[in-house]
């Protein structure tokens, strides 16, 4: 799983919606489809993309499959964001300074 795979998977609004539903707790594909206009094959494809990106994992119980958010995928996103966390405070301070100078 790479950062590119994760962001590519989340670029699709349907997959983001599925991911957000799973963030509330594990569900099967039928429960995930509720309230969405999506076929079962399309749901399976979206779940496959999310699994391959490392954002979702599945747990099988006989014939039943539940899906849940994979914490490792979230850790990858957090690591990516951490690289930029130090950058923004300095940039915001610089912007404040520029705006203050413009007011004078």
C-alpha atoms as a PDB file:
ATOM      1  CA  UNK A   1       0.000   0.000   0.000  1.00  0.00           C
ATOM      2  CA  UNK A   2       1.320   3.406  -0.906  1.00  0.00           C
ATOM      3  CA  UNK A   3       0.209   6.940  -0.182  1.00  0.00           C
ATOM      4  CA  UNK A   4      -0.756   7.257  -3.847  1.00  0.00           C
ATOM      5  CA  UNK A   5      -2.997   4.172  -3.607  1.00  0.00           C
ATOM      6  CA  UNK A   6      -4.695   5.555  -0.509  1.00  0.00           C
ATOM      7  CA  UNK A   7      -5.394   8.986  -1.977  1.00  0.00           C
ATOM      8  CA  UNK A   8      -6.475   7.485  -5.296  1.00  0.00           C
ATOM      9  CA  UNK A   9      -8.934   5.226  -3.450  1.00  0.00           C
ATOM     10  CA  UNK A  10     -10.331   8.123  -1.412  1.00  0.00           C
ATOM     11  CA  UNK A  11     -10.588  10.401  -4.456  1.00  0.00           C
ATOM     12  CA  UNK A  12     -13.839   8.678  -5.401  1.00  0.00           C
ATOM     13  CA  UNK A  13     -16.837  10.141  -3.506  1.00  0.00           C
ATOM     14  CA  UNK A  14     -18.572   6.750  -3.263  1.00  0.00           C
ATOM     15  CA  UNK A  15     -15.505   5.155  -1.694  1.00  0.00           C
ATOM     16  CA  UNK A  16     -15.147   8.082   0.711  1.00  0.00           C
ATOM     17  CA  UNK A  17     -18.769   7.553   1.738  1.00  0.00           C
ATOM     18  CA  UNK A  18     -18.162   3.833   2.287  1.00  0.00           C
ATOM     19  CA  UNK A  19     -15.013   4.587   4.283  1.00  0.00           C
ATOM     20  CA  UNK A  20     -16.890   7.121   6.436  1.00  0.00           C
ATOM     21  CA  UNK A  21     -19.642   4.577   7.153  1.00  0.00           C
ATOM     22  CA  UNK A  22     -17.024   2.042   8.216  1.00  0.00           C
ATOM     23  CA  UNK A  23     -15.369   4.605  10.465  1.00  0.00           C
ATOM     24  CA  UNK A  24     -18.526   4.358  12.609  1.00  0.00           C
ATOM     25  CA  UNK A  25     -18.116   0.588  12.968  1.00  0.00           C
ATOM     26  CA  UNK A  26     -17.839  -2.645  11.035  1.00  0.00           C
ATOM     27  CA  UNK A  27     -20.584  -3.603   8.570  1.00  0.00           C
ATOM     28  CA  UNK A  28     -21.364  -6.096   5.880  1.00  0.00           C
ATOM     29  CA  UNK A  29     -21.771  -5.062   2.236  1.00  0.00           C
ATOM     30  CA  UNK A  30     -25.580  -5.073   2.443  1.00  0.00           C
ATOM     31  CA  UNK A  31     -25.561  -2.674   5.398  1.00  0.00           C
ATOM     32  CA  UNK A  32     -23.066  -0.459   3.583  1.00  0.00           C
ATOM     33  CA  UNK A  33     -25.373  -0.265   0.553  1.00  0.00           C
ATOM     34  CA  UNK A  34     -28.291   1.065   2.599  1.00  0.00           C
ATOM     35  CA  UNK A  35     -29.070   4.632   1.593  1.00  0.00           C
ATOM     36  CA  UNK A  36     -26.819   4.394  -1.452  1.00  0.00           C
ATOM     37  CA  UNK A  37     -27.873   3.879  -5.037  1.00  0.00           C
ATOM     38  CA  UNK A  38     -25.248   1.257  -5.824  1.00  0.00           C
ATOM     39  CA  UNK A  39     -25.388  -2.320  -7.075  1.00  0.00           C
ATOM     40  CA  UNK A  40     -23.849  -5.224  -5.196  1.00  0.00           C
ATOM     41  CA  UNK A  41     -21.147  -5.745  -7.883  1.00  0.00           C
ATOM     42  CA  UNK A  42     -20.236  -2.025  -7.732  1.00  0.00           C
ATOM     43  CA  UNK A  43     -20.050  -2.188  -3.931  1.00  0.00           C
ATOM     44  CA  UNK A  44     -17.749  -5.203  -4.193  1.00  0.00           C
ATOM     45  CA  UNK A  45     -15.478  -3.311  -6.596  1.00  0.00           C
ATOM     46  CA  UNK A  46     -15.308  -0.274  -4.311  1.00  0.00           C
ATOM     47  CA  UNK A  47     -14.538  -2.464  -1.299  1.00  0.00           C
ATOM     48  CA  UNK A  48     -11.818  -4.205  -3.298  1.00  0.00           C
ATOM     49  CA  UNK A  49     -10.153  -0.869  -4.106  1.00  0.00           C
ATOM     50  CA  UNK A  50     -10.336   0.179  -0.442  1.00  0.00           C
ATOM     51  CA  UNK A  51      -8.897  -3.201   0.658  1.00  0.00           C
ATOM     52  CA  UNK A  52      -6.077  -3.041  -1.892  1.00  0.00           C
ATOM     53  CA  UNK A  53      -5.201   0.468  -0.694  1.00  0.00           C
ATOM     54  CA  UNK A  54      -4.975  -0.858   2.874  1.00  0.00           C
ATOM     55  CA  UNK A  55      -7.852   1.274   4.153  1.00  0.00           C
ATOM     56  CA  UNK A  56     -10.344  -1.520   4.799  1.00  0.00           C
ATOM     57  CA  UNK A  57     -10.012  -5.102   5.923  1.00  0.00           C
ATOM     58  CA  UNK A  58     -12.511  -7.920   5.897  1.00  0.00           C
ATOM     59  CA  UNK A  59     -13.367 -10.494   8.506  1.00  0.00           C
ATOM     60  CA  UNK A  60     -15.090 -13.679   7.385  1.00  0.00           C
ATOM     61  CA  UNK A  61     -17.536 -15.616   9.545  1.00  0.00           C
ATOM     62  CA  UNK A  62     -18.639 -18.563   7.451  1.00  0.00           C
ATOM     63  CA  UNK A  63     -20.634 -17.130   4.539  1.00  0.00           C
ATOM     64  CA  UNK A  64     -20.734 -13.670   6.071  1.00  0.00           C
ATOM     65  CA  UNK A  65     -18.122 -10.986   5.540  1.00  0.00           C
ATOM     66  CA  UNK A  66     -17.821  -7.869   7.679  1.00  0.00           C
ATOM     67  CA  UNK A  67     -15.684  -4.914   6.700  1.00  0.00           C
ATOM     68  CA  UNK A  68     -13.889  -2.482   8.977  1.00  0.00           C
ATOM     69  CA  UNK A  69     -11.389   0.352   8.741  1.00  0.00           C
ATOM     70  CA  UNK A  70      -7.810  -0.910   8.785  1.00  0.00           C
ATOM     71  CA  UNK A  71      -5.809   1.160  11.309  1.00  0.00           C
ATOM     72  CA  UNK A  72      -2.615   0.655   9.288  1.00  0.00           C
ATOM     73  CA  UNK A  73      -4.088   2.636   6.397  1.00  0.00           C
ATOM     74  CA  UNK A  74      -4.968   5.441   8.788  1.00  0.00           C
ATOM     75  CA  UNK A  75      -1.424   5.350  10.170  1.00  0.00           C
ATOM     76  CA  UNK A  76      -0.063   5.834   6.648  1.00  0.00           C
ATOM     77  CA  UNK A  77      -2.294   8.903   6.174  1.00  0.00           C
ATOM     78  CA  UNK A  78      -1.246  10.271   9.577  1.00  0.00           C
ATOM     79  CA  UNK A  79       2.450   9.837   8.707  1.00  0.00           C
ATOM     80  CA  UNK A  80       1.927  11.682   5.421  1.00  0.00           C
ATOM     81  CA  UNK A  81       0.150  14.556   7.186  1.00  0.00           C
ATOM     82  CA  UNK A  82       2.854  14.740   9.874  1.00  0.00           C
ATOM     83  CA  UNK A  83       5.397  15.752   7.213  1.00  0.00           C
ATOM     84  CA  UNK A  84       3.412  18.931   6.602  1.00  0.00           C
ATOM     85  CA  UNK A  85       2.263  19.691  10.129  1.00  0.00           C
ATOM     86  CA  UNK A  86       5.416  21.704  10.944  1.00  0.00           C
ATOM     87  CA  UNK A  87       5.139  23.636   7.677  1.00  0.00           C
ATOM     88  CA  UNK A  88       1.751  25.281   8.243  1.00  0.00           C
ATOM     89  CA  UNK A  89       2.284  27.234  11.496  1.00  0.00           C
ATOM     90  CA  UNK A  90       5.246  29.082   9.971  1.00  0.00           C
ATOM     91  CA  UNK A  91       3.281  29.796   6.775  1.00  0.00           C
ATOM     92  CA  UNK A  92       0.276  31.057   8.737  1.00  0.00           C
ATOM     93  CA  UNK A  93       2.537  33.354  10.800  1.00  0.00           C
ATOM     94  CA  UNK A  94       4.031  34.702   7.568  1.00  0.00           C
ATOM     95  CA  UNK A  95       0.540  35.293   6.144  1.00  0.00           C
ATOM     96  CA  UNK A  96      -0.502  37.134   9.307  1.00  0.00           C
ATOM     97  CA  UNK A  97       2.570  39.340   8.979  1.00  0.00           C
ATOM     98  CA  UNK A  98       1.796  40.142   5.338  1.00  0.00           C
ATOM     99  CA  UNK A  99      -1.840  40.942   6.137  1.00  0.00           C
ATOM    100  CA  UNK A 100      -0.788  43.138   9.062  1.00  0.00           C
ATOM    101  CA  UNK A 101       1.625  45.049   6.773  1.00  0.00           C
ATOM    102  CA  UNK A 102      -1.155  45.495   4.197  1.00  0.00           C
ATOM    103  CA  UNK A 103      -3.424  47.063   6.833  1.00  0.00           C
ATOM    104  CA  UNK A 104      -0.831  49.724   7.659  1.00  0.00           C
END
